[in-house]
Amino acid sequence: MIDLHYWTTPNGHKITLFLEEAGLDYRITPVHIGQGEQFRPEFLDIAPNNRIPAIVDHEPADGGAPISIFESGAILLYLADKSGRFIPQDLRGRNVALQWLFWQMGGLGPMAGQNHHFTQYAPEPLPYPIERYVKETARLYGVLDRHLADGRDYICGAGYSIADMACYPWIVPHEKQRQDLADFPALAAWFARVGQRPATQRAYALALTVNTAPTVNAESAKLLFGQDASTLRR
């Protein structure tokens, strides 16, 4: 059994995508980040960066005590290695998957996240950061579109992998990111392909059973966007 500490964000969706695809037994513990539940001591014990998602695997491969993992990319890699699925098993294929996983973690996610902040949540519109992050998001979309343009079905080729699971949830809010998928035809075809997978549909349907209201409002914005070192000293 795997405990998934989760909220309905792109990084949270990555893990439900994997778990639904793999058919692993798991249970969700919601962590309502708009209410500050990510600062509870019991959550910080497994996720010291006070961010979802995190998992606790009660049946690790070494047969030892439960193991906790934080950071969505690390969780995807752990689950892929645990199950032997959704990551190529050959040296070259595995490294393709890892490169694109790290590309998402270091590029697409952070840049799209800043895009979300300045286009949707900043208390006043600031033209420079909006233009900066909308353009950088477009550049990253272009990188993935070019990679997919050689006719491959998924990021690593014919096989669906953790690289796809990492990237897909960050493309879902493309309209809020001010991106038009018509400008990225290969990416658009890939996006539709992943969205049609039954496990993808189950994962997003599951999200609606956890949360149907916006996470960010006037009160939660102060909590989510006003953190500093003192936040962790509560």
Protein backbone atom coordinates (compact mmCIF):
# COMPACT_ATOMS: atom_id res chain seq x y z
CA MET A 1 0.00 0.00 0.00
CA ILE A 2 1.18 3.48 -0.89
CA ASP A 3 -0.04 6.56 0.95
CA LEU A 4 -0.25 9.55 -1.40
CA HIS A 5 -0.26 12.98 0.21
CA TYR A 6 -1.93 14.97 -2.52
CA TRP A 7 -3.64 18.09 -3.69
CA THR A 8 -5.17 18.87 -7.06
CA THR A 9 -2.22 20.65 -8.66
CA PRO A 10 -0.18 19.67 -11.73
CA ASN A 11 2.47 18.09 -9.54
CA GLY A 12 -0.17 16.16 -7.64
CA HIS A 13 -1.74 14.91 -10.88
CA LYS A 14 1.58 13.43 -12.00
CA ILE A 15 1.43 10.82 -9.27
CA THR A 16 -2.21 9.84 -9.70
CA LEU A 17 -1.47 9.43 -13.41
CA PHE A 18 1.23 6.90 -12.58
CA LEU A 19 -0.69 5.06 -9.88
CA GLU A 20 -3.78 4.72 -12.06
CA GLU A 21 -1.71 3.48 -15.00
CA ALA A 22 0.22 0.97 -12.91
CA GLY A 23 -2.73 -0.25 -10.89
CA LEU A 24 -0.80 -0.01 -7.63
CA ASP A 25 -2.76 -0.01 -4.37
CA TYR A 26 -2.83 3.47 -2.90
CA ARG A 27 -4.86 5.72 -0.69
CA ILE A 28 -5.04 9.47 -0.82
CA THR A 29 -4.51 11.78 2.11
CA PRO A 30 -5.62 15.24 0.95
CA VAL A 31 -3.29 18.08 1.91
CA HIS A 32 -5.30 21.27 1.45
CA ILE A 33 -2.54 23.70 0.64
CA GLY A 34 -4.93 26.68 0.67
CA GLN A 35 -5.61 26.00 4.34
CA GLY A 36 -1.98 25.50 5.35
CA GLU A 37 -2.13 21.74 5.88
CA GLN A 38 1.29 21.43 4.23
CA PHE A 39 2.83 22.93 7.37
CA ARG A 40 1.56 20.27 9.73
CA PRO A 41 4.47 18.56 11.53
CA GLU A 42 3.42 15.10 10.37
CA PHE A 43 3.53 16.25 6.75
CA LEU A 44 6.86 18.04 7.14
CA ASP A 45 8.32 14.80 8.48
CA ILE A 46 7.90 13.27 5.00
CA ALA A 47 8.00 16.42 2.86
CA PRO A 48 10.47 18.89 4.37
CA ASN A 49 9.98 21.35 1.50
CA ASN A 50 6.30 21.75 2.55
CA ARG A 51 5.07 20.96 -0.96
CA ILE A 52 2.85 18.23 -2.29
CA PRO A 53 3.01 15.51 -3.43
CA ALA A 54 4.72 13.05 -1.15
CA ILE A 55 4.33 9.31 -0.73
CA VAL A 56 4.94 6.69 1.92
CA ASP A 57 5.53 3.20 0.54
CA HIS A 58 4.67 0.63 3.18
CA GLU A 59 6.08 -2.24 1.11
CA PRO A 60 9.44 -1.06 -0.27
CA ALA A 61 11.44 -3.42 -2.45
CA ASP A 62 14.08 -4.00 0.23
CA GLY A 63 11.48 -5.34 2.64
CA GLY A 64 12.45 -2.80 5.28
CA ALA A 65 10.59 -0.06 7.09
CA PRO A 66 8.22 2.22 5.15
CA ILE A 67 10.03 4.72 2.95
CA SER A 68 8.89 8.28 2.29
CA ILE A 69 9.65 10.22 -0.88
CA PHE A 70 9.04 13.88 -1.66
CA GLU A 71 9.42 15.83 -4.95
CA SER A 72 7.18 14.69 -7.80
CA GLY A 73 10.02 13.77 -10.17
CA ALA A 74 11.71 11.65 -7.53
CA ILE A 75 8.39 9.96 -6.77
CA LEU A 76 7.80 9.12 -10.44
CA LEU A 77 11.28 7.66 -10.77
CA TYR A 78 10.88 5.67 -7.54
CA LEU A 79 7.54 4.23 -8.65
CA ALA A 80 8.87 3.40 -12.12
CA ASP A 81 11.82 1.53 -10.63
CA LYS A 82 9.61 -0.17 -8.04
CA SER A 83 7.12 -1.42 -10.62
CA GLY A 84 9.52 -1.86 -13.55
CA ARG A 85 7.09 0.07 -15.71
CA PHE A 86 6.85 3.36 -17.60
CA ILE A 87 10.58 3.87 -17.93
CA PRO A 88 12.66 2.31 -20.69
CA GLN A 89 14.83 -0.53 -19.45
CA ASP A 90 17.72 0.01 -21.86
CA LEU A 91 20.49 2.49 -21.06
CA ARG A 92 19.78 4.96 -23.84
CA GLY A 93 16.02 4.88 -23.49
CA ARG A 94 16.21 5.33 -19.73
CA ASN A 95 18.38 8.39 -20.15
CA VAL A 96 15.99 9.91 -22.67
CA ALA A 97 13.22 9.55 -20.09
CA LEU A 98 15.36 11.04 -17.34
CA GLN A 99 16.42 14.01 -19.45
CA TRP A 100 12.83 14.94 -20.22
CA LEU A 101 11.75 14.31 -16.64
CA PHE A 102 14.44 16.71 -15.41
CA TRP A 103 13.55 19.15 -18.21
CA GLN A 104 10.04 19.30 -16.85
CA MET A 105 11.16 19.61 -13.25
CA GLY A 106 13.73 22.31 -13.98
CA GLY A 107 12.04 24.13 -16.86
CA LEU A 108 8.44 23.57 -17.84
CA GLY A 109 7.08 23.34 -14.30
CA PRO A 110 8.87 26.31 -12.73
CA MET A 111 8.40 28.59 -15.74
CA ALA A 112 4.73 27.71 -16.20
CA GLY A 113 4.30 28.12 -12.45
CA GLN A 114 5.64 31.68 -12.62
CA ASN A 115 3.39 32.22 -15.64
CA HIS A 116 0.41 31.15 -13.51
CA HIS A 117 1.45 33.46 -10.69
CA PHE A 118 1.89 36.64 -12.68
CA THR A 119 -1.02 36.14 -15.09
CA GLN A 120 -3.56 34.94 -12.52
CA TYR A 121 -2.56 35.65 -8.94
CA ALA A 122 -0.36 38.74 -8.70
CA PRO A 123 -2.22 41.55 -6.90
CA GLU A 124 -1.68 43.84 -9.88
CA PRO A 125 -0.78 43.15 -13.53
CA LEU A 126 2.93 43.62 -14.16
CA PRO A 127 3.68 43.67 -17.89
CA TYR A 128 7.35 42.70 -17.73
CA PRO A 129 7.06 39.42 -15.77
CA ILE A 130 3.87 38.49 -17.62
CA GLU A 131 5.60 38.88 -20.97
CA ARG A 132 8.73 37.17 -19.69
CA TYR A 133 7.00 34.03 -18.45
CA VAL A 134 4.39 33.77 -21.19
CA LYS A 135 7.18 33.88 -23.77
CA GLU A 136 9.34 31.40 -21.88
CA THR A 137 6.39 29.04 -21.56
CA ALA A 138 5.91 29.32 -25.32
CA ARG A 139 9.58 28.56 -25.88
CA LEU A 140 9.33 25.43 -23.76
CA TYR A 141 6.19 24.34 -25.59
CA GLY A 142 8.21 24.80 -28.77
CA VAL A 143 11.02 22.61 -27.45
CA LEU A 144 8.61 19.76 -26.75
CA ASP A 145 6.73 20.28 -30.00
CA ARG A 146 9.96 20.04 -31.99
CA HIS A 147 10.92 16.86 -30.15
CA LEU A 148 7.54 15.28 -30.91
CA ALA A 149 7.44 16.42 -34.52
CA ASP A 150 9.29 13.38 -35.89
CA GLY A 151 6.14 11.28 -35.55
CA ARG A 152 6.80 9.66 -32.18
CA ASP A 153 3.67 8.88 -30.17
CA TYR A 154 5.17 9.73 -26.80
CA ILE A 155 8.18 11.61 -25.48
CA CYS A 156 10.38 8.51 -25.36
CA GLY A 157 9.06 7.09 -28.63
CA ALA A 158 6.37 4.44 -28.88
CA GLY A 159 6.14 3.77 -25.14
CA TYR A 160 4.28 5.94 -22.64
CA SER A 161 6.57 6.89 -19.76
CA ILE A 162 7.07 8.98 -16.66
CA ALA A 163 8.31 11.78 -18.94
CA ASP A 164 4.81 12.05 -20.42
CA MET A 165 3.21 11.87 -16.98
CA ALA A 166 5.45 14.67 -15.74
CA CYS A 167 4.74 17.01 -18.64
CA TYR A 168 1.05 16.43 -19.36
CA PRO A 169 -0.42 18.11 -16.23
CA TRP A 170 1.55 21.27 -16.96
CA ILE A 171 0.02 21.49 -20.45
CA VAL A 172 -3.55 20.99 -19.19
CA PRO A 173 -3.88 24.67 -18.14
CA HIS A 174 -2.46 25.93 -21.46
CA GLU A 175 -5.22 28.49 -21.95
CA LYS A 176 -4.49 30.06 -18.56
CA GLN A 177 -0.84 30.13 -19.59
CA ARG A 178 -1.90 32.11 -22.71
CA GLN A 179 -0.75 29.36 -25.05
CA ASP A 180 -2.61 28.25 -28.19
CA LEU A 181 -2.03 24.56 -28.92
CA ALA A 182 -2.74 25.26 -32.59
CA ASP A 183 0.72 26.82 -32.65
CA PHE A 184 2.23 23.49 -31.57
CA PRO A 185 0.63 20.76 -33.71
CA ALA A 186 2.85 17.86 -32.66
CA LEU A 187 2.44 18.74 -28.99
CA ALA A 188 -1.32 19.11 -29.50
CA ALA A 189 -1.55 15.61 -31.00
CA TRP A 190 0.47 14.18 -28.10
CA PHE A 191 -1.69 16.07 -25.59
CA ALA A 192 -4.85 14.61 -27.08
CA ARG A 193 -3.31 11.13 -27.11
CA VAL A 194 -2.40 11.25 -23.42
CA GLY A 195 -5.76 12.75 -22.53
CA GLN A 196 -7.57 9.84 -24.14
CA ARG A 197 -5.85 7.25 -21.97
CA PRO A 198 -8.33 5.71 -19.51
CA ALA A 199 -5.92 6.14 -16.60
CA THR A 200 -5.59 9.84 -17.37
CA GLN A 201 -9.35 10.22 -17.32
CA ARG A 202 -9.60 8.31 -14.05
CA ALA A 203 -6.90 10.46 -12.45
CA TYR A 204 -8.62 13.71 -13.35
CA ALA A 205 -12.03 12.38 -12.33
CA LEU A 206 -10.50 11.43 -8.98
CA ALA A 207 -9.28 15.00 -8.53
CA LEU A 208 -12.87 16.20 -8.62
CA THR A 209 -13.73 13.97 -5.67
CA VAL A 210 -10.95 15.61 -3.64
CA ASN A 211 -11.45 19.26 -4.55
CA THR A 212 -13.92 21.19 -6.69
CA ALA A 213 -13.23 24.73 -5.46
CA PRO A 214 -10.38 27.06 -6.41
CA THR A 215 -7.42 26.60 -4.09
CA VAL A 216 -6.37 30.26 -4.33
CA ASN A 217 -8.56 33.01 -2.94
CA ALA A 218 -7.82 36.24 -1.11
CA GLU A 219 -7.08 34.48 2.17
CA SER A 220 -5.13 31.51 0.81
CA ALA A 221 -3.04 33.78 -1.44
CA LYS A 222 -1.50 35.34 1.65
CA LEU A 223 -0.49 31.89 2.83
CA LEU A 224 0.62 30.45 -0.50
CA PHE A 225 2.53 33.47 -1.77
CA GLY A 226 3.80 35.01 1.44
CA GLN A 227 6.08 32.27 2.69
CA ASP A 228 9.59 32.82 3.98
CA ALA A 229 11.86 30.97 6.39
CA SER A 230 9.65 31.88 9.33
CA THR A 231 6.81 29.86 7.81
CA LEU A 232 8.57 26.64 8.73
CA ARG A 233 9.11 27.75 12.32
CA ARG A 234 5.43 27.65 13.20
